[in-house]
Amino acid sequence: MLPSLAMFAKAARAEGIDGLVLEGPAAAAIAGRHAWLGGLIAAVDPAGGAGRFRLAGAELRARLLPVAVPAPALALLSAS
């Protein structure tokens, strides 16, 4: 998944893409969704956080989208 995220970050700048939605695992609780998103960000940028992290030279934000449990977690990665 990390090469695909790096490609997104590069294309976002060049193409004016506003964001990317990622589907995560189904989680029995909201805490599990936060753990998934935190783990994803840590794998990409250990110094980053959901507020801001760097990927392929681009600064991105991540946030969980509201969906009902136990549906899969959805995260929005955006350049703005």
PDB file of N, CA and C in Angstrom:
ATOM      1  N   MET A   1       0.818  -1.192   0.000  1.00  0.00           N
ATOM      2  CA  MET A   1       0.000   0.000   0.000  1.00  0.00           C
ATOM      3  C   MET A   1       0.865   1.261   0.000  1.00  0.00           C
ATOM      4  N   LEU A   2       2.040   1.214   0.625  1.00  0.00           N
ATOM      5  CA  LEU A   2       2.859   2.415   0.719  1.00  0.00           C
ATOM      6  C   LEU A   2       3.290   2.955  -0.643  1.00  0.00           C
ATOM      7  N   PRO A   3       3.677   2.104  -1.618  1.00  0.00           N
ATOM      8  CA  PRO A   3       3.992   2.675  -2.937  1.00  0.00           C
ATOM      9  C   PRO A   3       2.793   3.378  -3.566  1.00  0.00           C
ATOM     10  N   SER A   4       1.592   2.839  -3.373  1.00  0.00           N
ATOM     11  CA  SER A   4       0.394   3.484  -3.911  1.00  0.00           C
ATOM     12  C   SER A   4       0.150   4.838  -3.246  1.00  0.00           C
ATOM     13  N   LEU A   5       0.395   4.931  -1.957  1.00  0.00           N
ATOM     14  CA  LEU A   5       0.220   6.205  -1.261  1.00  0.00           C
ATOM     15  C   LEU A   5       1.251   7.225  -1.734  1.00  0.00           C
ATOM     16  N   ALA A   6       2.470   6.776  -1.966  1.00  0.00           N
ATOM     17  CA  ALA A   6       3.499   7.687  -2.470  1.00  0.00           C
ATOM     18  C   ALA A   6       3.119   8.198  -3.863  1.00  0.00           C
ATOM     19  N   MET A   7       2.575   7.316  -4.697  1.00  0.00           N
ATOM     20  CA  MET A   7       2.131   7.735  -6.033  1.00  0.00           C
ATOM     21  C   MET A   7       1.001   8.758  -5.917  1.00  0.00           C
ATOM     22  N   PHE A   8       0.087   8.549  -4.961  1.00  0.00           N
ATOM     23  CA  PHE A   8      -0.991   9.513  -4.755  1.00  0.00           C
ATOM     24  C   PHE A   8      -0.436  10.875  -4.395  1.00  0.00           C
ATOM     25  N   ALA A   9       0.505  10.905  -3.471  1.00  0.00           N
ATOM     26  CA  ALA A   9       1.053  12.189  -3.018  1.00  0.00           C
ATOM     27  C   ALA A   9       1.690  12.948  -4.168  1.00  0.00           C
ATOM     28  N   LYS A  10       2.409  12.246  -5.025  1.00  0.00           N
ATOM     29  CA  LYS A  10       3.039  12.893  -6.181  1.00  0.00           C
ATOM     30  C   LYS A  10       1.980  13.367  -7.178  1.00  0.00           C
ATOM     31  N   ALA A  11       1.001  12.526  -7.448  1.00  0.00           N
ATOM     32  CA  ALA A  11      -0.044  12.887  -8.410  1.00  0.00           C
ATOM     33  C   ALA A  11      -0.923  14.006  -7.889  1.00  0.00           C
ATOM     34  N   ALA A  12      -1.149  14.055  -6.589  1.00  0.00           N
ATOM     35  CA  ALA A  12      -2.003  15.092  -6.001  1.00  0.00           C
ATOM     36  C   ALA A  12      -1.469  16.472  -6.331  1.00  0.00           C
ATOM     37  N   ARG A  13      -0.168  16.641  -6.223  1.00  0.00           N
ATOM     38  CA  ARG A  13       0.431  17.937  -6.558  1.00  0.00           C
ATOM     39  C   ARG A  13       0.282  18.237  -8.040  1.00  0.00           C
ATOM     40  N   ALA A  14       0.634  17.270  -8.875  1.00  0.00           N
ATOM     41  CA  ALA A  14       0.643  17.488 -10.325  1.00  0.00           C
ATOM     42  C   ALA A  14      -0.755  17.640 -10.913  1.00  0.00           C
ATOM     43  N   GLU A  15      -1.717  16.896 -10.398  1.00  0.00           N
ATOM     44  CA  GLU A  15      -3.053  16.843 -10.988  1.00  0.00           C
ATOM     45  C   GLU A  15      -4.101  17.636 -10.231  1.00  0.00           C
ATOM     46  N   GLY A  16      -3.736  18.211  -9.117  1.00  0.00           N
ATOM     47  CA  GLY A  16      -4.708  18.971  -8.334  1.00  0.00           C
ATOM     48  C   GLY A  16      -5.732  18.080  -7.651  1.00  0.00           C
ATOM     49  N   ILE A  17      -5.343  16.848  -7.308  1.00  0.00           N
ATOM     50  CA  ILE A  17      -6.243  15.925  -6.609  1.00  0.00           C
ATOM     51  C   ILE A  17      -6.410  16.407  -5.167  1.00  0.00           C
ATOM     52  N   ASP A  18      -7.636  16.483  -4.708  1.00  0.00           N
ATOM     53  CA  ASP A  18      -7.909  16.995  -3.371  1.00  0.00           C
ATOM     54  C   ASP A  18      -7.774  15.954  -2.275  1.00  0.00           C
ATOM     55  N   GLY A  19      -8.020  14.682  -2.577  1.00  0.00           N
ATOM     56  CA  GLY A  19      -7.960  13.695  -1.511  1.00  0.00           C
ATOM     57  C   GLY A  19      -8.109  12.279  -2.015  1.00  0.00           C
ATOM     58  N   LEU A  20      -7.903  11.355  -1.102  1.00  0.00           N
ATOM     59  CA  LEU A  20      -8.000   9.937  -1.380  1.00  0.00           C
ATOM     60  C   LEU A  20      -8.674   9.284  -0.186  1.00  0.00           C
ATOM     61  N   VAL A  21      -9.657   8.434  -0.428  1.00  0.00           N
ATOM     62  CA  VAL A  21     -10.330   7.703   0.646  1.00  0.00           C
ATOM     63  C   VAL A  21      -9.774   6.286   0.667  1.00  0.00           C
ATOM     64  N   LEU A  22      -9.329   5.862   1.851  1.00  0.00           N
ATOM     65  CA  LEU A  22      -8.819   4.508   2.050  1.00  0.00           C
ATOM     66  C   LEU A  22      -9.802   3.717   2.894  1.00  0.00           C
ATOM     67  N   GLU A  23     -10.004   2.468   2.526  1.00  0.00           N
ATOM     68  CA  GLU A  23     -10.854   1.588   3.322  1.00  0.00           C
ATOM     69  C   GLU A  23      -9.962   0.749   4.221  1.00  0.00           C
ATOM     70  N   GLY A  24     -10.249   0.783   5.494  1.00  0.00           N
ATOM     71  CA  GLY A  24      -9.496  -0.003   6.459  1.00  0.00           C
ATOM     72  C   GLY A  24     -10.297  -1.203   6.900  1.00  0.00           C
ATOM     73  N   PRO A  25      -9.820  -1.858   7.926  1.00  0.00           N
ATOM     74  CA  PRO A  25     -10.523  -3.042   8.422  1.00  0.00           C
ATOM     75  C   PRO A  25     -11.782  -2.669   9.191  1.00  0.00           C
ATOM     76  N   ALA A  26     -12.703  -3.616   9.264  1.00  0.00           N
ATOM     77  CA  ALA A  26     -13.859  -3.419  10.141  1.00  0.00           C
ATOM     78  C   ALA A  26     -13.349  -3.463  11.572  1.00  0.00           C
ATOM     79  N   ALA A  27     -13.819  -2.570  12.379  1.00  0.00           N
ATOM     80  CA  ALA A  27     -13.381  -2.522  13.774  1.00  0.00           C
ATOM     81  C   ALA A  27     -14.598  -2.556  14.683  1.00  0.00           C
ATOM     82  N   ALA A  28     -14.477  -3.265  15.768  1.00  0.00           N
ATOM     83  CA  ALA A  28     -15.591  -3.388  16.695  1.00  0.00           C
ATOM     84  C   ALA A  28     -15.807  -2.116  17.498  1.00  0.00           C
ATOM     85  N   ALA A  29     -14.819  -1.242  17.504  1.00  0.00           N
ATOM     86  CA  ALA A  29     -14.933  -0.009  18.284  1.00  0.00           C
ATOM     87  C   ALA A  29     -14.192   1.117  17.565  1.00  0.00           C
ATOM     88  N   ILE A  30     -14.559   2.323  17.879  1.00  0.00           N
ATOM     89  CA  ILE A  30     -13.923   3.495  17.293  1.00  0.00           C
ATOM     90  C   ILE A  30     -12.425   3.495  17.605  1.00  0.00           C
ATOM     91  N   ALA A  31     -12.024   3.050  18.783  1.00  0.00           N
ATOM     92  CA  ALA A  31     -10.607   3.022  19.158  1.00  0.00           C
ATOM     93  C   ALA A  31      -9.797   2.187  18.171  1.00  0.00           C
ATOM     94  N   GLY A  32     -10.374   1.100  17.675  1.00  0.00           N
ATOM     95  CA  GLY A  32      -9.683   0.264  16.693  1.00  0.00           C
ATOM     96  C   GLY A  32      -9.447   0.996  15.382  1.00  0.00           C
ATOM     97  N   ARG A  33     -10.360   1.853  15.013  1.00  0.00           N
ATOM     98  CA  ARG A  33     -10.203   2.641  13.788  1.00  0.00           C
ATOM     99  C   ARG A  33      -9.079   3.653  13.950  1.00  0.00           C
ATOM    100  N   HIS A  34      -9.022   4.283  15.123  1.00  0.00           N
ATOM    101  CA  HIS A  34      -7.952   5.251  15.386  1.00  0.00           C
ATOM    102  C   HIS A  34      -6.593   4.545  15.397  1.00  0.00           C
ATOM    103  N   ALA A  35      -6.547   3.348  15.940  1.00  0.00           N
ATOM    104  CA  ALA A  35      -5.302   2.578  15.971  1.00  0.00           C
ATOM    105  C   ALA A  35      -4.863   2.233  14.547  1.00  0.00           C
ATOM    106  N   TRP A  36      -5.803   1.834  13.693  1.00  0.00           N
ATOM    107  CA  TRP A  36      -5.479   1.528  12.301  1.00  0.00           C
ATOM    108  C   TRP A  36      -4.900   2.750  11.597  1.00  0.00           C
ATOM    109  N   LEU A  37      -5.570   3.896  11.732  1.00  0.00           N
ATOM    110  CA  LEU A  37      -5.095   5.107  11.066  1.00  0.00           C
ATOM    111  C   LEU A  37      -3.744   5.538  11.632  1.00  0.00           C
ATOM    112  N   GLY A  38      -3.578   5.464  12.930  1.00  0.00           N
ATOM    113  CA  GLY A  38      -2.296   5.813  13.542  1.00  0.00           C
ATOM    114  C   GLY A  38      -1.170   4.914  13.061  1.00  0.00           C
ATOM    115  N   GLY A  39      -1.443   3.626  12.929  1.00  0.00           N
ATOM    116  CA  GLY A  39      -0.438   2.688  12.423  1.00  0.00           C
ATOM    117  C   GLY A  39      -0.068   2.958  10.984  1.00  0.00           C
ATOM    118  N   LEU A  40      -1.053   3.315  10.179  1.00  0.00           N
ATOM    119  CA  LEU A  40      -0.796   3.646   8.772  1.00  0.00           C
ATOM    120  C   LEU A  40       0.105   4.873   8.674  1.00  0.00           C
ATOM    121  N   ILE A  41      -0.210   5.900   9.433  1.00  0.00           N
ATOM    122  CA  ILE A  41       0.590   7.128   9.406  1.00  0.00           C
ATOM    123  C   ILE A  41       1.993   6.870   9.934  1.00  0.00           C
ATOM    124  N   ALA A  42       2.111   6.085  10.993  1.00  0.00           N
ATOM    125  CA  ALA A  42       3.430   5.776  11.551  1.00  0.00           C
ATOM    126  C   ALA A  42       4.297   5.030  10.541  1.00  0.00           C
ATOM    127  N   ALA A  43       3.691   4.176   9.729  1.00  0.00           N
ATOM    128  CA  ALA A  43       4.449   3.447   8.711  1.00  0.00           C
ATOM    129  C   ALA A  43       4.951   4.378   7.613  1.00  0.00           C
ATOM    130  N   VAL A  44       4.184   5.421   7.329  1.00  0.00           N
ATOM    131  CA  VAL A  44       4.542   6.371   6.277  1.00  0.00           C
ATOM    132  C   VAL A  44       5.522   7.420   6.787  1.00  0.00           C
ATOM    133  N   ASP A  45       5.244   7.974   7.965  1.00  0.00           N
ATOM    134  CA  ASP A  45       6.039   9.070   8.531  1.00  0.00           C
ATOM    135  C   ASP A  45       6.051   8.929  10.051  1.00  0.00           C
ATOM    136  N   PRO A  46       7.059   8.255  10.603  1.00  0.00           N
ATOM    137  CA  PRO A  46       7.095   8.036  12.056  1.00  0.00           C
ATOM    138  C   PRO A  46       7.030   9.321  12.879  1.00  0.00           C
ATOM    139  N   ALA A  47       7.444  10.436  12.320  1.00  0.00           N
ATOM    140  CA  ALA A  47       7.405  11.708  13.053  1.00  0.00           C
ATOM    141  C   ALA A  47       6.083  12.435  12.878  1.00  0.00           C
ATOM    142  N   GLY A  48       5.213  11.920  12.025  1.00  0.00           N
ATOM    143  CA  GLY A  48       3.956  12.605  11.722  1.00  0.00           C
ATOM    144  C   GLY A  48       2.831  12.209  12.654  1.00  0.00           C
ATOM    145  N   GLY A  49       1.705  12.838  12.431  1.00  0.00           N
ATOM    146  CA  GLY A  49       0.486  12.544  13.161  1.00  0.00           C
ATOM    147  C   GLY A  49      -0.686  12.779  12.229  1.00  0.00           C
ATOM    148  N   ALA A  50      -1.886  12.501  12.705  1.00  0.00           N
ATOM    149  CA  ALA A  50      -3.065  12.642  11.847  1.00  0.00           C
ATOM    150  C   ALA A  50      -3.253  14.079  11.380  1.00  0.00           C
ATOM    151  N   GLY A  51      -2.844  15.029  12.224  1.00  0.00           N
ATOM    152  CA  GLY A  51      -2.982  16.428  11.838  1.00  0.00           C
ATOM    153  C   GLY A  51      -2.153  16.765  10.617  1.00  0.00           C
ATOM    154  N   ARG A  52      -0.928  16.310  10.597  1.00  0.00           N
ATOM    155  CA  ARG A  52      -0.017  16.556   9.476  1.00  0.00           C
ATOM    156  C   ARG A  52       1.018  15.446   9.429  1.00  0.00           C
ATOM    157  N   PHE A  53       1.290  14.942   8.229  1.00  0.00           N
ATOM    158  CA  PHE A  53       2.383  14.011   8.027  1.00  0.00           C
ATOM    159  C   PHE A  53       2.910  14.204   6.621  1.00  0.00           C
ATOM    160  N   ARG A  54       4.121  13.715   6.378  1.00  0.00           N
ATOM    161  CA  ARG A  54       4.756  13.892   5.081  1.00  0.00           C
ATOM    162  C   ARG A  54       4.826  12.564   4.351  1.00  0.00           C
ATOM    163  N   LEU A  55       4.585  12.629   3.048  1.00  0.00           N
ATOM    164  CA  LEU A  55       4.653  11.454   2.184  1.00  0.00           C
ATOM    165  C   LEU A  55       5.142  11.908   0.828  1.00  0.00           C
ATOM    166  N   ALA A  56       6.243  11.349   0.380  1.00  0.00           N
ATOM    167  CA  ALA A  56       6.815  11.670  -0.937  1.00  0.00           C
ATOM    168  C   ALA A  56       6.990  13.176  -1.115  1.00  0.00           C
ATOM    169  N   GLY A  57       7.410  13.846  -0.067  1.00  0.00           N
ATOM    170  CA  GLY A  57       7.657  15.276  -0.140  1.00  0.00           C
ATOM    171  C   GLY A  57       6.423  16.153  -0.019  1.00  0.00           C
ATOM    172  N   ALA A  58       5.266  15.546   0.135  1.00  0.00           N
ATOM    173  CA  ALA A  58       4.027  16.318   0.260  1.00  0.00           C
ATOM    174  C   ALA A  58       3.529  16.268   1.696  1.00  0.00           C
ATOM    175  N   GLU A  59       3.003  17.379   2.172  1.00  0.00           N
ATOM    176  CA  GLU A  59       2.392  17.405   3.494  1.00  0.00           C
ATOM    177  C   GLU A  59       0.915  17.068   3.342  1.00  0.00           C
ATOM    178  N   LEU A  60       0.470  16.068   4.098  1.00  0.00           N
ATOM    179  CA  LEU A  60      -0.913  15.601   4.005  1.00  0.00           C
ATOM    180  C   LEU A  60      -1.566  15.617   5.385  1.00  0.00           C
ATOM    181  N   ARG A  61      -2.883  15.561   5.379  1.00  0.00           N
ATOM    182  CA  ARG A  61      -3.698  15.404   6.590  1.00  0.00           C
ATOM    183  C   ARG A  61      -4.475  14.113   6.450  1.00  0.00           C
ATOM    184  N   ALA A  62      -4.834  13.525   7.585  1.00  0.00           N
ATOM    185  CA  ALA A  62      -5.665  12.321   7.574  1.00  0.00           C
ATOM    186  C   ALA A  62      -6.752  12.479   8.616  1.00  0.00           C
ATOM    187  N   ARG A  63      -7.932  11.983   8.277  1.00  0.00           N
ATOM    188  CA  ARG A  63      -9.018  11.974   9.262  1.00  0.00           C
ATOM    189  C   ARG A  63      -9.938  10.810   8.953  1.00  0.00           C
ATOM    190  N   LEU A  64     -10.513  10.276  10.010  1.00  0.00           N
ATOM    191  CA  LEU A  64     -11.491   9.203   9.850  1.00  0.00           C
ATOM    192  C   LEU A  64     -12.821   9.800   9.412  1.00  0.00           C
ATOM    193  N   LEU A  65     -13.476   9.125   8.505  1.00  0.00           N
ATOM    194  CA  LEU A  65     -14.811   9.549   8.073  1.00  0.00           C
ATOM    195  C   LEU A  65     -15.841   8.827   8.927  1.00  0.00           C
ATOM    196  N   PRO A  66     -16.936   9.494   9.244  1.00  0.00           N
ATOM    197  CA  PRO A  66     -17.940   8.858  10.100  1.00  0.00           C
ATOM    198  C   PRO A  66     -18.713   7.771   9.355  1.00  0.00           C
ATOM    199  N   VAL A  67     -18.573   6.555   9.826  1.00  0.00           N
ATOM    200  CA  VAL A  67     -19.346   5.413   9.320  1.00  0.00           C
ATOM    201  C   VAL A  67     -19.760   4.572  10.515  1.00  0.00           C
ATOM    202  N   ALA A  68     -20.833   3.852  10.364  1.00  0.00           N
ATOM    203  CA  ALA A  68     -21.357   3.048  11.473  1.00  0.00           C
ATOM    204  C   ALA A  68     -20.474   1.831  11.729  1.00  0.00           C
ATOM    205  N   VAL A  69     -20.257   1.528  12.989  1.00  0.00           N
ATOM    206  CA  VAL A  69     -19.555   0.308  13.384  1.00  0.00           C
ATOM    207  C   VAL A  69     -20.533  -0.833  13.168  1.00  0.00           C
ATOM    208  N   PRO A  70     -20.196  -1.952  12.612  1.00  0.00           N
ATOM    209  CA  PRO A  70     -18.887  -2.514  12.321  1.00  0.00           C
ATOM    210  C   PRO A  70     -18.459  -2.360  10.871  1.00  0.00           C
ATOM    211  N   ALA A  71     -18.974  -1.433  10.134  1.00  0.00           N
ATOM    212  CA  ALA A  71     -18.539  -1.210   8.748  1.00  0.00           C
ATOM    213  C   ALA A  71     -17.046  -0.911   8.734  1.00  0.00           C
ATOM    214  N   PRO A  72     -16.377  -1.164   7.612  1.00  0.00           N
ATOM    215  CA  PRO A  72     -14.950  -0.871   7.548  1.00  0.00           C
ATOM    216  C   PRO A  72     -14.670   0.614   7.815  1.00  0.00           C
ATOM    217  N   ALA A  73     -13.522   0.853   8.422  1.00  0.00           N
ATOM    218  CA  ALA A  73     -13.096   2.223   8.668  1.00  0.00           C
ATOM    219  C   ALA A  73     -12.790   2.898   7.331  1.00  0.00           C
ATOM    220  N   LEU A  74     -13.083   4.172   7.227  1.00  0.00           N
ATOM    221  CA  LEU A  74     -12.732   4.960   6.052  1.00  0.00           C
ATOM    222  C   LEU A  74     -11.914   6.151   6.509  1.00  0.00           C
ATOM    223  N   ALA A  75     -10.802   6.390   5.821  1.00  0.00           N
ATOM    224  CA  ALA A  75      -9.941   7.531   6.153  1.00  0.00           C
ATOM    225  C   ALA A  75      -9.777   8.382   4.914  1.00  0.00           C
ATOM    226  N   LEU A  76      -9.807   9.689   5.101  1.00  0.00           N
ATOM    227  CA  LEU A  76      -9.577  10.635   4.032  1.00  0.00           C
ATOM    228  C   LEU A  76      -8.185  11.199   4.201  1.00  0.00           C
ATOM    229  N   LEU A  77      -7.345  11.016   3.185  1.00  0.00           N
ATOM    230  CA  LEU A  77      -6.036  11.660   3.132  1.00  0.00           C
ATOM    231  C   LEU A  77      -6.169  12.821   2.174  1.00  0.00           C
ATOM    232  N   SER A  78      -5.774  13.985   2.604  1.00  0.00           N
ATOM    233  CA  SER A  78      -5.924  15.155   1.741  1.00  0.00           C
ATOM    234  C   SER A  78      -4.708  16.056   1.852  1.00  0.00           C
ATOM    235  N   ALA A  79      -4.489  16.791   0.765  1.00  0.00           N
ATOM    236  CA  ALA A  79      -3.355  17.709   0.724  1.00  0.00           C
ATOM    237  C   ALA A  79      -3.695  19.029   1.403  1.00  0.00           C
ATOM    238  N   SER A  80      -4.946  19.291   1.628  1.00  0.00           N
ATOM    239  CA  SER A  80      -5.306  20.576   2.247  1.00  0.00           C
ATOM    240  C   SER A  80      -5.988  20.358   3.579  1.00  0.00           C
TER     241      SER A  80
END
